[in-house]
């Protein structure tokens, strides 16, 4: 029986689940899905803020959850729970459901195709097993949305809806399955000094504004999902630092070395890089390790100036150069497949071989 069930999963479920996820991710890549989701979250914040006028506590957490039971009964909704700082001991002080038809647009086809495939195996593939596979499919969609929300919500700090919500000094938005796994996709945290803080303080999701770093060495730090705004880096070194999903906006780098750094999903915006070396830097769209599995957008340099920049043994597949100026760039080794660096890397490799 186990062999028959395993064969069913391999031959039928895996391809169907892959199609479901691929079709859904294609939908989630459209601006309409992001706009609909963010608008619903902002509306819930406004409703919670109005309830706070009646004496409800400040919000410390907003949990956005997928409910498998609701999907099973044909209700494609997400649950939003607002918690005080007493969470997880205390119940949410305000809850709301939002429509998520945009996430489950292909669910009915997937469910029907799975049921049809099981008809010839009904002796071994029972309804309970199909329900279990359905739960796995919902989890796939939940994880797919999780990889998008961190980008959809990154500008939420400027939202009037969030401004109206009374919050604790540290406010997190979490996403996951209801009463199951939850991961942070947004945070609004107090300013912190990277080089003058407790080792217990998280450096993730922070905003570093108008900072000047001179001859500083950033070593073995997790700065992922942070934003550096109007900052300057001179004669600095980033060594074994996680800069995944970091945004550098209107920053300046001079005589700076990035070595063994994670740059997956990073965005350099309106930034100048002069005499900068990237050595053994990774910016791959899929990352799997013992601490974190995640999917990332492409590394992008948008409206940037790159002058005397070296890329040495870097992995920048799919990296983008958008309206950026490049002068004196040297590329040696690495992987730049399907990136805007690919042609330049190929030319330099050819010239090197001819020499």
Protein backbone atom coordinates (compact mmCIF):
# COMPACT_ATOMS: atom_id res chain seq x y z
CA UNK A 1 0.00 0.00 0.00
CA UNK A 2 2.79 2.38 0.91
CA UNK A 3 4.39 1.78 -2.48
CA UNK A 4 1.13 2.58 -4.29
CA UNK A 5 0.59 5.76 -2.28
CA UNK A 6 4.20 6.84 -2.79
CA UNK A 7 3.89 6.20 -6.52
CA UNK A 8 0.68 8.24 -6.63
CA UNK A 9 2.40 11.14 -4.93
CA UNK A 10 5.40 11.00 -7.26
CA UNK A 11 3.47 10.48 -10.49
CA UNK A 12 0.41 12.64 -9.88
CA UNK A 13 0.61 14.87 -6.82
CA UNK A 14 4.08 16.34 -7.34
CA UNK A 15 3.40 17.54 -10.94
CA UNK A 16 -0.02 18.91 -9.96
CA UNK A 17 1.38 20.69 -6.91
CA UNK A 18 4.20 22.12 -9.01
CA UNK A 19 1.69 23.48 -11.53
CA UNK A 20 -0.45 24.95 -8.75
CA UNK A 21 2.51 26.77 -7.24
CA UNK A 22 3.88 27.96 -10.60
CA UNK A 23 0.50 29.29 -11.75
CA UNK A 24 -0.07 31.02 -8.41
CA UNK A 25 3.38 32.60 -8.30
CA UNK A 26 2.80 33.90 -11.81
CA UNK A 27 -0.38 35.58 -10.55
CA UNK A 28 1.37 36.94 -7.46
CA UNK A 29 3.99 38.57 -9.67
CA UNK A 30 1.30 40.91 -11.01
CA UNK A 31 0.84 44.31 -9.37
CA UNK A 32 -2.89 43.72 -8.92
CA UNK A 33 -2.35 40.93 -6.39
CA UNK A 34 0.05 43.02 -4.32
CA UNK A 35 -2.20 46.09 -4.40
CA UNK A 36 -5.27 44.07 -3.36
CA UNK A 37 -3.47 42.41 -0.47
CA UNK A 38 -1.82 45.57 0.86
CA UNK A 39 -5.08 47.52 0.63
CA UNK A 40 -6.87 44.84 2.67
CA UNK A 41 -4.14 44.86 5.33
CA UNK A 42 -4.29 48.67 5.53
CA UNK A 43 -8.07 48.55 5.86
CA UNK A 44 -7.76 46.10 8.75
CA UNK A 45 -5.24 48.42 10.42
CA UNK A 46 -7.67 51.32 10.11
CA UNK A 47 -10.43 49.22 11.68
CA UNK A 48 -8.15 48.14 14.52
CA UNK A 49 -7.11 51.77 15.09
CA UNK A 50 -10.76 52.79 15.43
CA UNK A 51 -11.30 50.04 17.98
CA UNK A 52 -8.26 51.26 19.92
CA UNK A 53 -10.15 54.51 20.54
CA UNK A 54 -12.43 52.40 22.74
CA UNK A 55 -9.53 51.48 25.02
CA UNK A 56 -7.87 48.56 23.28
CA UNK A 57 -4.09 48.22 23.84
CA UNK A 58 -1.24 49.21 21.49
CA UNK A 59 -0.37 46.63 18.85
CA UNK A 60 2.89 44.72 19.08
CA UNK A 61 2.13 42.07 16.47
CA UNK A 62 -0.11 41.60 13.47
CA UNK A 63 -0.39 37.96 12.47
CA UNK A 64 -1.63 37.14 8.97
CA UNK A 65 -2.63 33.49 8.67
CA UNK A 66 -3.76 30.98 6.08
CA UNK A 67 -6.48 28.65 7.39
CA UNK A 68 -6.50 25.19 5.84
CA UNK A 69 -9.92 24.36 7.29
CA UNK A 70 -11.45 27.41 5.63
CA UNK A 71 -9.93 26.47 2.27
CA UNK A 72 -11.18 22.91 2.68
CA UNK A 73 -14.73 24.26 3.02
CA UNK A 74 -14.39 26.63 0.08
CA UNK A 75 -13.71 29.85 2.00
CA UNK A 76 -10.58 31.47 0.59
CA UNK A 77 -9.76 33.91 3.36
CA UNK A 78 -6.81 35.07 5.42
CA UNK A 79 -7.15 35.77 9.12
CA UNK A 80 -5.59 38.92 10.59
CA UNK A 81 -5.00 38.99 14.36
CA UNK A 82 -3.74 42.04 16.25
CA UNK A 83 -1.91 41.23 19.47
CA UNK A 84 -0.60 43.27 22.38
CA UNK A 85 2.89 42.79 23.82
CA UNK A 86 1.45 39.96 25.95
CA UNK A 87 1.23 37.64 22.96
CA UNK A 88 1.39 34.64 22.76
CA UNK A 89 -0.14 34.35 26.24
CA UNK A 90 -3.02 36.74 25.51
CA UNK A 91 -5.69 36.40 22.82
CA UNK A 92 -5.79 38.91 19.94
CA UNK A 93 -7.50 42.17 20.86
CA UNK A 94 -8.88 42.53 17.32
CA UNK A 95 -9.37 40.03 14.48
CA UNK A 96 -10.57 40.31 10.92
CA UNK A 97 -10.87 38.11 7.83
CA UNK A 98 -9.89 39.35 4.38
CA UNK A 99 -10.71 37.83 1.02
CA UNK A 100 -7.84 35.90 -0.57
CA UNK A 101 -9.41 34.68 -3.80
CA UNK A 102 -6.32 36.03 -5.59
CA UNK A 103 -4.20 33.44 -3.74
CA UNK A 104 -6.48 30.48 -4.47
CA UNK A 105 -7.46 31.26 -8.07
CA UNK A 106 -6.15 27.87 -9.25
CA UNK A 107 -7.19 25.85 -6.21
CA UNK A 108 -10.39 24.35 -7.63
CA UNK A 109 -8.61 23.04 -10.73
CA UNK A 110 -5.87 21.55 -8.53
CA UNK A 111 -8.37 19.88 -6.20
CA UNK A 112 -10.44 18.45 -9.05
CA UNK A 113 -7.37 17.20 -10.92
CA UNK A 114 -6.08 15.51 -7.77
CA UNK A 115 -9.44 13.83 -7.15
CA UNK A 116 -9.65 12.67 -10.77
CA UNK A 117 -6.14 11.21 -10.63
CA UNK A 118 -7.05 9.28 -7.49
CA UNK A 119 -10.13 7.61 -9.02
CA UNK A 120 -8.10 4.80 -10.54
CA UNK A 121 -6.35 4.25 -7.22
CA UNK A 122 -9.33 4.58 -4.90
CA UNK A 123 -8.58 1.18 -3.31
CA UNK A 124 -5.34 2.58 -1.90
CA UNK A 125 -5.61 6.36 -2.11
CA UNK A 126 -8.29 7.17 0.42
CA UNK A 127 -10.06 10.47 1.01
CA UNK A 128 -8.04 11.00 4.19
CA UNK A 129 -4.86 10.80 2.15
CA UNK A 130 -6.21 13.31 -0.37
CA UNK A 131 -7.04 15.66 2.50
CA UNK A 132 -3.46 15.34 3.72
CA UNK A 133 -2.16 16.19 0.26
CA UNK A 134 -4.55 19.14 0.16
CA UNK A 135 -3.02 20.43 3.39
CA UNK A 136 0.43 20.13 1.81
CA UNK A 137 -0.79 22.14 -1.19
CA UNK A 138 -2.17 24.90 1.03
CA UNK A 139 1.18 25.01 2.80
CA UNK A 140 2.89 25.43 -0.58
CA UNK A 141 0.68 28.41 -1.40
CA UNK A 142 1.26 29.87 2.06
CA UNK A 143 5.00 29.66 1.60
CA UNK A 144 4.71 31.16 -1.88
CA UNK A 145 2.85 34.15 -0.44
CA UNK A 146 5.37 34.42 2.39
CA UNK A 147 8.17 34.96 -0.13
CA UNK A 148 6.20 37.85 -1.69
CA UNK A 149 4.85 39.65 1.38
CA UNK A 150 8.27 40.84 2.55
CA UNK A 151 8.46 42.88 -0.68
CA UNK A 152 4.81 43.91 -0.85
CA UNK A 153 4.92 45.38 2.66
CA UNK A 154 8.35 46.99 2.57
CA UNK A 155 6.92 50.51 2.02
CA UNK A 156 4.24 50.12 4.67
CA UNK A 157 6.10 52.37 7.13
CA UNK A 158 4.86 55.40 5.18
CA UNK A 159 1.23 54.24 5.19
CA UNK A 160 -1.28 56.51 6.99
CA UNK A 161 -3.09 53.35 8.11
CA UNK A 162 -0.02 52.15 9.99
CA UNK A 163 0.49 55.65 11.34
CA UNK A 164 -3.03 55.65 12.79
CA UNK A 165 -2.47 52.35 14.58
CA UNK A 166 -1.18 52.72 18.13
CA UNK A 167 1.87 50.49 18.38
CA UNK A 168 4.51 49.36 20.78
CA UNK A 169 8.07 50.56 20.11
CA UNK A 170 8.70 47.24 18.39
CA UNK A 171 5.98 46.21 15.94
CA UNK A 172 6.07 43.07 13.78
CA UNK A 173 3.89 41.70 11.01
CA UNK A 174 4.04 37.91 10.89
CA UNK A 175 2.74 35.54 8.24
CA UNK A 176 2.17 31.81 8.24
CA UNK A 177 -0.38 29.14 8.99
CA UNK A 178 -2.96 29.67 11.70
CA UNK A 179 -1.66 28.44 15.07
CA UNK A 180 1.37 26.98 13.31
CA UNK A 181 4.56 28.41 11.82
CA UNK A 182 4.86 32.18 11.58
CA UNK A 183 7.67 34.24 10.06
CA UNK A 184 8.31 37.99 10.19
CA UNK A 185 7.65 39.81 6.90
CA UNK A 186 7.76 43.39 8.21
CA UNK A 187 8.93 45.21 11.31
CA UNK A 188 9.04 48.76 12.57
CA UNK A 189 11.80 49.01 15.15
CA UNK A 190 13.65 51.78 17.02
CA UNK A 191 16.97 53.07 15.64
CA UNK A 192 20.07 51.18 16.73
CA UNK A 193 23.83 51.64 16.51
CA UNK A 194 25.37 48.62 14.81
CA UNK A 195 28.67 49.05 16.64
CA UNK A 196 27.26 50.07 20.02
CA UNK A 197 24.46 47.70 20.92
CA UNK A 198 23.83 44.53 22.88
CA UNK A 199 24.60 41.21 21.23
CA UNK A 200 20.99 40.30 22.06
CA UNK A 201 19.65 43.09 19.83
CA UNK A 202 18.54 42.00 16.39
CA UNK A 203 19.94 44.07 13.53
CA UNK A 204 17.36 42.79 11.04
CA UNK A 205 14.46 44.93 9.78
CA UNK A 206 16.18 48.10 10.99
CA UNK A 207 16.40 51.49 9.33
CA UNK A 208 19.85 53.09 9.38
CA UNK A 209 19.53 56.71 8.33
CA UNK A 210 22.26 59.26 7.57
CA UNK A 211 24.99 57.10 9.12
CA UNK A 212 28.66 57.66 8.30
CA UNK A 213 30.89 54.59 8.46
CA UNK A 214 34.64 55.18 8.10
CA UNK A 215 37.15 52.34 8.31
CA UNK A 216 34.53 50.05 9.83
CA UNK A 217 34.53 46.27 9.53
CA UNK A 218 31.14 44.57 9.49
CA UNK A 219 31.77 40.94 10.42
CA UNK A 220 29.35 38.03 10.80
CA UNK A 221 26.28 40.22 11.13
CA UNK A 222 22.71 39.57 10.03
CA UNK A 223 21.43 42.85 8.58
CA UNK A 224 18.85 41.24 6.32
CA UNK A 225 15.67 43.13 5.42
CA UNK A 226 17.13 46.39 6.69
CA UNK A 227 17.24 49.76 4.95
CA UNK A 228 20.22 52.10 4.74
CA UNK A 229 19.06 55.58 3.78
CA UNK A 230 21.48 58.42 2.91
CA UNK A 231 24.46 56.56 4.39
CA UNK A 232 28.16 56.71 3.50
CA UNK A 233 30.71 53.88 3.66
CA UNK A 234 34.39 54.76 3.25
CA UNK A 235 37.27 52.28 3.54
CA UNK A 236 34.90 49.68 4.98
CA UNK A 237 34.77 45.89 4.83
CA UNK A 238 31.72 43.63 4.87
CA UNK A 239 32.94 40.14 5.79
CA UNK A 240 30.53 37.20 6.05
CA UNK A 241 27.53 39.52 6.44
CA UNK A 242 23.93 38.68 5.54
CA UNK A 243 22.62 41.57 3.44
CA UNK A 244 19.73 39.61 1.94
CA UNK A 245 16.80 41.86 0.99
CA UNK A 246 18.66 44.95 2.20
CA UNK A 247 17.94 48.29 0.52
CA UNK A 248 20.69 50.88 0.10
CA UNK A 249 18.94 54.11 -0.92
CA UNK A 250 20.91 57.22 -1.87
CA UNK A 251 24.07 55.81 -0.29
CA UNK A 252 27.74 56.17 -1.17
CA UNK A 253 30.42 53.48 -1.10
CA UNK A 254 34.10 54.34 -1.54
CA UNK A 255 37.04 51.93 -1.28
CA UNK A 256 34.85 49.22 0.20
CA UNK A 257 35.20 45.43 0.13
CA UNK A 258 32.33 42.92 0.20
CA UNK A 259 33.64 39.40 0.81
CA UNK A 260 31.63 36.21 1.38
CA UNK A 261 28.48 38.31 1.69
CA UNK A 262 24.88 37.29 1.02
CA UNK A 263 23.27 39.84 -1.32
CA UNK A 264 20.22 37.87 -2.46
CA UNK A 265 17.28 40.20 -3.01
CA UNK A 266 19.32 43.33 -2.23
CA UNK A 267 18.48 46.64 -3.89
CA UNK A 268 20.96 49.45 -4.52
CA UNK A 269 18.90 52.54 -5.36
CA UNK A 270 20.30 55.94 -6.40
CA UNK A 271 23.63 54.83 -4.95
CA UNK A 272 27.22 55.53 -5.98
CA UNK A 273 29.88 52.82 -5.74
CA UNK A 274 33.48 53.86 -6.34
CA UNK A 275 36.50 51.56 -5.97
CA UNK A 276 34.34 48.76 -4.61
CA UNK A 277 35.22 45.08 -4.74
CA UNK A 278 32.71 42.23 -4.49
CA UNK A 279 34.59 38.99 -3.81
CA UNK A 280 32.91 35.58 -3.40
CA UNK A 281 29.53 37.29 -2.98
CA UNK A 282 26.29 35.33 -3.42
CA UNK A 283 23.07 36.78 -4.79
CA UNK A 284 21.16 33.69 -5.84
CA UNK A 285 17.34 33.62 -6.03
CA UNK A 286 17.05 30.44 -3.96
CA UNK A 287 18.86 29.94 -0.69
CA UNK A 288 18.87 26.76 1.33
CA UNK A 289 20.89 26.34 4.50
CA UNK A 290 20.48 25.14 8.06
CA UNK A 291 19.20 28.49 9.33
CA UNK A 292 16.93 29.80 6.59
CA UNK A 293 15.29 28.63 3.37
CA UNK A 294 14.00 31.46 1.23
CA UNK A 295 13.24 32.73 -2.25
CA UNK A 296 14.46 36.15 -3.33
CA UNK A 297 13.91 38.77 -5.98
CA UNK A 298 16.85 39.56 -8.27
CA UNK A 299 19.75 41.64 -6.99
CA UNK A 300 19.30 45.07 -8.57
CA UNK A 301 21.31 48.23 -9.08
CA UNK A 302 18.77 50.92 -10.01
CA UNK A 303 19.79 54.46 -11.01
CA UNK A 304 23.27 53.80 -9.65
CA UNK A 305 26.78 54.81 -10.63
CA UNK A 306 29.37 52.02 -10.54
CA UNK A 307 32.91 53.28 -11.03
CA UNK A 308 36.00 51.09 -10.77
CA UNK A 309 34.00 48.13 -9.46
CA UNK A 310 35.35 44.57 -9.37
CA UNK A 311 33.29 41.38 -9.33
CA UNK A 312 35.50 38.41 -8.42
CA UNK A 313 34.05 34.89 -8.23
CA UNK A 314 30.57 36.20 -7.50
CA UNK A 315 27.30 34.42 -8.17
CA UNK A 316 24.88 37.03 -9.54
CA UNK A 317 22.40 35.05 -11.70
CA UNK A 318 19.58 37.26 -12.91
CA UNK A 319 21.10 40.45 -11.44
CA UNK A 320 19.69 43.67 -12.88
CA UNK A 321 21.25 46.99 -13.90
CA UNK A 322 18.42 49.48 -14.31
CA UNK A 323 19.23 52.98 -15.61
CA UNK A 324 22.71 52.69 -14.11
CA UNK A 325 26.08 53.99 -15.30
CA UNK A 326 29.07 51.64 -15.40
CA UNK A 327 32.67 52.74 -15.83
CA UNK A 328 35.82 50.72 -15.34
CA UNK A 329 34.19 47.45 -14.29
CA UNK A 330 36.27 44.28 -14.00
CA UNK A 331 34.71 40.81 -13.82
CA UNK A 332 36.72 37.71 -13.01
CA UNK A 333 35.11 34.28 -12.59
CA UNK A 334 31.69 33.59 -11.12
CA UNK A 335 28.17 33.06 -12.45
CA UNK A 336 26.24 35.88 -14.13
CA UNK A 337 23.71 33.77 -16.03
CA UNK A 338 20.71 35.73 -17.35
CA UNK A 339 21.99 38.88 -15.66
CA UNK A 340 22.81 42.32 -17.04
CA UNK A 341 26.44 41.54 -16.23
CA UNK A 342 26.49 38.44 -18.46
CA UNK A 343 27.56 40.10 -21.70
CA UNK A 344 30.30 42.12 -20.02
CA UNK A 345 31.56 39.00 -18.22
CA UNK A 346 31.66 37.07 -21.51
CA UNK A 347 33.58 39.84 -23.28
CA UNK A 348 36.16 40.08 -20.51
CA UNK A 349 36.54 36.29 -20.42
CA UNK A 350 37.13 36.24 -24.19
CA UNK A 351 39.65 39.06 -24.02
CA UNK A 352 41.45 37.33 -21.17
CA UNK A 353 41.62 34.10 -23.17
CA UNK A 354 42.99 35.88 -26.24
CA UNK A 355 45.78 37.35 -24.18
